[in-house]
Amino acid sequence: MTVRLSIISVALLGAALIATPADAQHAGHSMPAPMPNPVPSTEPAPTTADPHAGHMMPADPAPTADPMAGMDHSQMDHGSAEDATSISPGPTMETPPPPEAGSGPPRAADIIWGAEAMRASRQDLQRTHGEFNVFWLQGDRFETQIRNGRDGYLWDLQGYYGGPTSRFWFKSEGEGSFGERIEDAEVQALYSRAIAPFWDLQAGVRQDLTGPSTTHAVIGVQGLTPYLFEVDAAMFVSYLGDVTARVEAELDQRITQSLILQPRAEIKLAAQDVPRLGMGAGIDKVELGVRLRYEIIREFAPYIGIEQSWHVGGSADYARVRGEDPSATNYVVGIRFWF
């Protein structure tokens, strides 16, 4: 009788298990029933979670539902806002320098090797890395000018000798017509001192070699502006008190590695009429030109170009008195060199 009751009990238990829904059998795994896109809960996540919460699997969503909608994001650690703001936008040093770095004496090697030995070493280092004198000479314009009437020539030379911050500059300009005396010629001797990156302050003397022999004191600046305009501006005060000025600017536009287009402008000014120099007060002369040169090598480049010049105001009147045209067009052929 006891055996028969046991068999009946086992049979009833098996039937009950078969009849129990699948959801009830897996209730311990917290599998949610299919549902539409849930609204994220604003309540904080519980401190004690179901050990199987990280394995929750959503039911198949509708075709148009967000594929991430059925996932429980409450237990996913995406990092806090504070952690996100603390992330460096760029690379950082894995091992920063110690706090005492740089706090020692500026010439600590003197303690070990002696001041005399290190002084010689520092001087040698300066000579090796740029603190030495250099000679440089450039013929910026050395050309023949083809114009109405008698053709002419022009030179514009400059150079320096010295170091990176202090230099002796020398400059020479002049022009004339073939078969005639030189019309204008001058030389300048200047001391130059660096006052800013790419800029030098220059001071010295200028001597005119033709016409009335005149000596001028010179002060000016020379350097490189933004967009690579080379500028040379100077004011001249003659021993008679005449004040004049000159501003030159040019720009190298590289077309290819060897072909360069160079626009150039020059303006001459005077603070007063200077009849003996043929200069009127205000703007005396304006020159605008463009030259196309080809660098056979960096140090040697032939060029061709065109230049237009105008005497203005009182200077134009002085030019007419001398029998000259106040306006002139010159076609130029020349070379540019440096070493």
Protein backbone atom coordinates (compact mmCIF):
# COMPACT_ATOMS: atom_id res chain seq x y z
CA MET A 1 0.00 0.00 0.00
CA THR A 2 2.85 2.34 0.85
CA VAL A 3 4.59 1.67 -2.46
CA ARG A 4 1.38 2.40 -4.37
CA LEU A 5 0.99 5.75 -2.60
CA SER A 6 4.61 6.69 -3.46
CA ILE A 7 4.10 5.95 -7.13
CA ILE A 8 0.91 8.02 -7.16
CA SER A 9 2.75 10.96 -5.45
CA VAL A 10 5.58 10.93 -7.99
CA ALA A 11 3.08 10.87 -10.84
CA LEU A 12 1.14 13.82 -9.41
CA LEU A 13 4.38 15.82 -8.89
CA GLY A 14 5.48 15.24 -12.48
CA ALA A 15 2.11 16.32 -13.82
CA ALA A 16 2.30 19.50 -11.76
CA LEU A 17 5.71 20.37 -13.16
CA ILE A 18 4.53 19.81 -16.71
CA ALA A 19 1.49 22.01 -16.18
CA THR A 20 3.50 24.86 -14.58
CA PRO A 21 4.20 27.77 -17.07
CA ALA A 22 7.78 28.28 -18.25
CA ASP A 23 7.82 31.80 -16.81
CA ALA A 24 7.11 30.43 -13.36
CA GLN A 25 9.98 27.93 -13.64
CA HIS A 26 12.47 30.73 -14.42
CA ALA A 27 11.07 33.33 -12.04
CA GLY A 28 14.40 33.44 -10.23
CA HIS A 29 16.11 34.78 -13.36
CA SER A 30 14.03 38.01 -13.49
CA MET A 31 13.20 37.79 -17.21
CA PRO A 32 10.74 40.58 -18.04
CA ALA A 33 7.77 40.13 -20.24
CA PRO A 34 7.76 41.87 -23.64
CA MET A 35 6.85 45.54 -23.25
CA PRO A 36 7.08 48.79 -25.25
CA ASN A 37 10.00 51.21 -24.93
CA PRO A 38 10.29 51.80 -21.18
CA VAL A 39 10.69 55.24 -19.68
CA PRO A 40 14.01 55.39 -17.83
CA SER A 41 13.50 55.42 -14.11
CA THR A 42 14.65 58.46 -12.17
CA GLU A 43 14.93 56.48 -8.92
CA PRO A 44 18.46 55.51 -7.86
CA ALA A 45 19.51 51.93 -8.41
CA PRO A 46 19.10 49.65 -5.34
CA THR A 47 22.20 48.95 -3.37
CA THR A 48 21.50 45.19 -3.36
CA ALA A 49 20.69 43.86 -6.80
CA ASP A 50 19.56 40.47 -7.96
CA PRO A 51 22.70 38.40 -8.62
CA HIS A 52 21.29 37.63 -12.07
CA ALA A 53 20.40 41.27 -12.91
CA GLY A 54 23.43 41.69 -15.17
CA HIS A 55 22.14 38.80 -17.35
CA MET A 56 18.66 40.17 -17.99
CA MET A 57 17.64 39.46 -21.59
CA PRO A 58 14.90 41.54 -23.22
CA ALA A 59 12.16 40.06 -25.24
CA ASP A 60 12.27 40.51 -29.01
CA PRO A 61 11.33 44.18 -29.64
CA ALA A 62 8.96 45.32 -32.31
CA PRO A 63 10.63 46.02 -35.69
CA THR A 64 10.30 49.77 -35.19
CA ALA A 65 11.46 49.82 -31.56
CA ASP A 66 14.84 51.03 -30.38
CA PRO A 67 17.12 47.97 -30.28
CA MET A 68 18.45 49.15 -26.92
CA ALA A 69 15.00 49.82 -25.44
CA GLY A 70 14.61 46.50 -23.63
CA MET A 71 17.97 46.57 -21.94
CA ASP A 72 18.27 47.46 -18.29
CA HIS A 73 20.87 50.26 -18.12
CA SER A 74 20.50 50.85 -14.41
CA GLN A 75 23.40 48.51 -13.61
CA MET A 76 25.69 49.65 -16.46
CA ASP A 77 28.56 51.85 -15.28
CA HIS A 78 29.13 54.63 -17.83
CA GLY A 79 31.21 56.84 -15.51
CA SER A 80 30.07 59.92 -13.68
CA ALA A 81 30.07 63.47 -15.05
CA GLU A 82 32.89 64.30 -12.65
CA ASP A 83 35.02 61.51 -14.14
CA ALA A 84 34.26 62.75 -17.68
CA THR A 85 35.36 66.30 -16.93
CA SER A 86 38.59 65.11 -15.31
CA ILE A 87 39.80 63.39 -18.49
CA SER A 88 42.65 65.38 -20.10
CA PRO A 89 41.96 66.50 -23.69
CA GLY A 90 45.52 65.67 -24.74
CA PRO A 91 48.50 63.57 -23.75
CA THR A 92 49.90 64.12 -20.29
CA MET A 93 53.19 63.23 -18.69
CA GLU A 94 53.06 59.80 -17.10
CA THR A 95 55.85 60.80 -14.74
CA PRO A 96 55.81 64.57 -14.01
CA PRO A 97 59.07 66.21 -12.92
CA PRO A 98 59.68 66.31 -9.17
CA PRO A 99 58.75 69.52 -7.32
CA GLU A 100 62.42 70.35 -6.70
CA ALA A 101 63.24 70.37 -10.44
CA GLY A 102 64.74 73.70 -11.45
CA SER A 103 65.23 74.86 -7.89
CA GLY A 104 69.00 74.35 -7.92
CA PRO A 105 71.64 76.92 -8.81
CA PRO A 106 71.64 78.09 -12.47
CA ARG A 107 75.20 76.91 -13.02
CA ALA A 108 75.39 73.78 -10.92
CA ALA A 109 78.21 72.36 -13.07
CA ASP A 110 80.51 75.07 -11.68
CA ILE A 111 80.37 73.31 -8.30
CA ILE A 112 81.72 70.10 -9.82
CA TRP A 113 84.07 71.24 -12.58
CA GLY A 114 84.93 74.78 -11.51
CA ALA A 115 83.84 78.16 -12.85
CA GLU A 116 86.88 78.61 -15.12
CA ALA A 117 86.42 75.28 -16.89
CA MET A 118 82.70 75.84 -17.41
CA ARG A 119 83.18 79.42 -18.64
CA ALA A 120 85.28 78.15 -21.53
CA SER A 121 82.70 75.44 -22.23
CA ARG A 122 79.85 77.95 -22.31
CA GLN A 123 81.73 80.23 -24.70
CA ASP A 124 82.38 77.31 -27.01
CA LEU A 125 78.68 76.39 -26.88
CA GLN A 126 77.70 79.94 -27.84
CA ARG A 127 80.07 79.94 -30.80
CA THR A 128 78.78 76.56 -31.94
CA HIS A 129 75.10 77.54 -31.76
CA GLY A 130 75.02 80.90 -33.49
CA GLU A 131 76.90 83.46 -31.40
CA PHE A 132 79.52 84.11 -34.08
CA ASN A 133 80.09 86.76 -36.75
CA VAL A 134 78.84 86.26 -40.32
CA PHE A 135 79.50 88.19 -43.53
CA TRP A 136 76.59 88.49 -45.99
CA LEU A 137 76.26 90.52 -49.22
CA GLN A 138 73.25 90.78 -51.53
CA GLY A 139 72.71 92.49 -54.84
CA ASP A 140 68.97 92.96 -54.57
CA ARG A 141 68.76 94.88 -57.86
CA PHE A 142 71.54 94.96 -60.40
CA GLU A 143 69.82 95.79 -63.66
CA THR A 144 69.61 97.49 -67.03
CA GLN A 145 66.59 99.74 -67.57
CA ILE A 146 65.07 100.07 -71.02
CA ARG A 147 63.08 103.29 -71.26
CA ASN A 148 62.12 106.12 -73.59
CA GLY A 149 65.20 108.02 -74.63
CA ARG A 150 68.55 106.83 -73.31
CA ASP A 151 68.63 103.45 -71.55
CA GLY A 152 70.02 103.34 -68.04
CA TYR A 153 71.21 101.18 -65.19
CA LEU A 154 70.57 100.79 -61.47
CA TRP A 155 72.20 99.06 -58.54
CA ASP A 156 70.95 98.33 -55.03
CA LEU A 157 73.44 96.52 -52.81
CA GLN A 158 73.44 95.83 -49.10
CA GLY A 159 75.16 93.55 -46.65
CA TYR A 160 76.29 93.15 -43.07
CA TYR A 161 78.98 91.73 -40.85
CA GLY A 162 78.22 90.67 -37.30
CA GLY A 163 76.33 88.36 -35.02
CA PRO A 164 72.62 87.59 -34.65
CA THR A 165 71.81 90.67 -32.54
CA SER A 166 74.49 93.29 -33.35
CA ARG A 167 75.72 93.99 -36.88
CA PHE A 168 77.50 96.52 -39.05
CA TRP A 169 75.36 97.23 -42.16
CA PHE A 170 76.49 98.86 -45.37
CA LYS A 171 74.20 99.87 -48.24
CA SER A 172 74.66 101.49 -51.63
CA GLU A 173 72.17 102.66 -54.26
CA GLY A 174 72.55 104.52 -57.51
CA GLU A 175 71.32 104.96 -61.06
CA GLY A 176 72.19 106.72 -64.29
CA SER A 177 72.05 106.61 -68.07
CA PHE A 178 74.59 104.95 -70.31
CA GLY A 179 77.09 107.42 -71.73
CA GLU A 180 76.33 110.06 -69.09
CA ARG A 181 77.43 110.88 -65.58
CA ILE A 182 75.89 108.96 -62.68
CA GLU A 183 72.70 110.73 -61.67
CA ASP A 184 72.33 109.49 -58.08
CA ALA A 185 74.67 107.50 -55.87
CA GLU A 186 74.94 107.03 -52.13
CA VAL A 187 76.52 104.82 -49.50
CA GLN A 188 75.41 104.15 -45.94
CA ALA A 189 77.27 102.82 -42.91
CA LEU A 190 74.97 101.69 -40.10
CA TYR A 191 75.06 100.00 -36.73
CA SER A 192 72.18 97.57 -36.33
CA ARG A 193 70.70 96.16 -33.16
CA ALA A 194 67.92 93.56 -32.91
CA ILE A 195 64.89 95.00 -31.11
CA ALA A 196 62.34 92.25 -31.80
CA PRO A 197 62.15 88.96 -33.69
CA PHE A 198 62.91 89.73 -37.37
CA TRP A 199 63.37 93.47 -36.69
CA ASP A 200 66.53 95.60 -36.42
CA LEU A 201 66.97 99.21 -35.38
CA GLN A 202 69.63 100.91 -37.53
CA ALA A 203 71.54 104.16 -37.05
CA GLY A 204 74.50 105.67 -38.84
CA VAL A 205 75.48 108.00 -41.68
CA ARG A 206 74.69 108.37 -45.37
CA GLN A 207 76.93 110.08 -47.90
CA ASP A 208 75.71 111.28 -51.29
CA LEU A 209 78.39 110.80 -53.94
CA THR A 210 76.80 112.80 -56.78
CA GLY A 211 75.22 116.24 -57.05
CA PRO A 212 75.67 118.44 -54.00
CA SER A 213 77.90 116.49 -51.65
CA THR A 214 75.65 115.96 -48.64
CA THR A 215 76.07 113.99 -45.45
CA HIS A 216 73.02 112.73 -43.56
CA ALA A 217 72.42 111.17 -40.17
CA VAL A 218 70.31 108.01 -40.53
CA ILE A 219 67.90 106.22 -38.23
CA GLY A 220 65.56 103.50 -39.38
CA VAL A 221 64.19 99.99 -39.04
CA GLN A 222 64.49 96.96 -41.25
CA GLY A 223 62.74 93.64 -40.95
CA LEU A 224 60.04 91.21 -41.91
CA THR A 225 56.34 91.97 -41.35
CA PRO A 226 53.50 89.44 -41.15
CA TYR A 227 52.78 87.86 -44.54
CA LEU A 228 56.55 88.08 -45.28
CA PHE A 229 56.80 91.66 -46.51
CA GLU A 230 60.41 92.82 -46.34
CA VAL A 231 60.46 96.46 -45.18
CA ASP A 232 63.30 98.97 -45.05
CA ALA A 233 62.31 102.40 -43.68
CA ALA A 234 64.70 105.20 -42.80
CA MET A 235 64.73 108.91 -41.96
CA PHE A 236 67.61 111.14 -43.04
CA VAL A 237 68.68 114.46 -41.52
CA SER A 238 71.28 116.37 -43.54
CA TYR A 239 73.97 118.53 -41.97
CA LEU A 240 71.91 121.51 -43.17
CA GLY A 241 68.84 120.31 -41.28
CA ASP A 242 66.87 118.93 -44.26
CA VAL A 243 64.66 116.04 -43.20
CA THR A 244 63.78 113.34 -45.75
CA ALA A 245 62.60 109.75 -45.56
CA ARG A 246 62.34 106.62 -47.65
CA VAL A 247 60.21 103.49 -47.28
CA GLU A 248 60.77 100.34 -49.35
CA ALA A 249 58.70 97.14 -49.29
CA GLU A 250 58.85 93.97 -51.34
CA LEU A 251 57.29 90.53 -51.25
CA ASP A 252 58.50 87.24 -52.72
CA GLN A 253 55.64 85.21 -54.20
CA ARG A 254 57.02 81.76 -54.97
CA ILE A 255 55.29 80.27 -58.03
CA THR A 256 57.49 77.19 -58.21
CA GLN A 257 60.61 76.15 -56.35
CA SER A 258 62.69 78.24 -58.76
CA LEU A 259 60.29 80.83 -60.23
CA ILE A 260 59.51 83.83 -57.99
CA LEU A 261 57.35 86.91 -58.57
CA GLN A 262 58.40 89.97 -56.57
CA PRO A 263 56.13 93.05 -56.32
CA ARG A 264 57.98 96.08 -54.99
CA ALA A 265 57.08 99.61 -53.87
CA GLU A 266 59.16 102.60 -52.79
CA ILE A 267 58.10 106.02 -51.53
CA LYS A 268 60.39 109.00 -50.94
CA LEU A 269 59.27 111.93 -48.77
CA ALA A 270 60.55 115.31 -47.69
CA ALA A 271 59.57 117.48 -44.72
CA GLN A 272 60.29 120.67 -46.69
CA ASP A 273 61.32 121.86 -50.15
CA VAL A 274 64.94 121.05 -50.90
CA PRO A 275 65.69 122.86 -54.19
CA ARG A 276 69.34 121.85 -54.35
CA LEU A 277 68.25 118.17 -54.29
CA GLY A 278 65.24 118.75 -56.53
CA MET A 279 62.78 117.59 -53.86
CA GLY A 280 59.42 119.14 -53.02
CA ALA A 281 57.71 119.00 -49.63
CA GLY A 282 55.50 115.96 -49.03
CA ILE A 283 55.70 112.91 -51.27
CA ASP A 284 58.69 113.31 -53.56
CA LYS A 285 58.62 110.14 -55.68
CA VAL A 286 56.65 106.90 -55.93
CA GLU A 287 57.91 103.72 -57.60
CA LEU A 288 55.85 100.59 -58.23
CA GLY A 289 57.20 97.56 -60.01
CA VAL A 290 57.14 93.81 -60.38
CA ARG A 291 59.98 91.44 -61.23
CA LEU A 292 59.92 87.80 -62.23
CA ARG A 293 63.13 85.95 -61.44
CA TYR A 294 64.37 82.43 -61.95
CA GLU A 295 66.75 80.95 -59.39
CA ILE A 296 69.34 78.94 -61.27
CA ILE A 297 70.74 78.35 -57.83
CA ARG A 298 69.61 80.03 -54.63
CA GLU A 299 72.49 82.49 -54.78
CA PHE A 300 72.05 83.56 -58.41
CA ALA A 301 68.80 84.52 -60.16
CA PRO A 302 68.29 86.49 -63.38
CA TYR A 303 65.04 88.43 -63.70
CA ILE A 304 62.89 90.59 -65.95
CA GLY A 305 60.27 93.12 -64.94
CA ILE A 306 58.57 96.44 -65.35
CA GLU A 307 58.59 99.50 -63.12
CA GLN A 308 56.63 102.75 -63.14
CA SER A 309 57.79 105.89 -61.30
CA TRP A 310 56.18 109.26 -60.67
CA HIS A 311 57.53 112.53 -59.29
CA VAL A 312 54.76 114.15 -57.26
CA GLY A 313 53.91 117.75 -56.33
CA GLY A 314 56.85 120.13 -56.15
CA SER A 315 59.24 117.38 -57.20
CA ALA A 316 57.39 117.08 -60.51
CA ASP A 317 57.96 120.80 -61.09
CA TYR A 318 61.67 120.42 -60.38
CA ALA A 319 61.83 117.52 -62.84
CA ARG A 320 60.23 119.58 -65.61
CA VAL A 321 62.72 122.39 -64.97
CA ARG A 322 65.53 119.89 -65.49
CA GLY A 323 63.90 118.82 -68.76
CA GLU A 324 62.78 115.44 -67.43
CA ASP A 325 59.43 113.69 -67.69
CA PRO A 326 57.88 113.44 -64.18
CA SER A 327 56.56 109.99 -65.09
CA ALA A 328 58.68 107.15 -66.50
CA THR A 329 58.15 103.52 -67.44
CA ASN A 330 61.16 101.20 -67.28
CA TYR A 331 61.48 97.65 -68.58
CA VAL A 332 64.20 95.97 -66.59
CA VAL A 333 66.55 93.03 -67.07
CA GLY A 334 68.92 92.12 -64.28
CA ILE A 335 70.34 89.64 -61.82
CA ARG A 336 69.91 89.13 -58.11
CA PHE A 337 72.69 87.49 -56.16
CA TRP A 338 73.90 86.93 -52.64
CA PHE A 339 76.71 85.16 -50.83
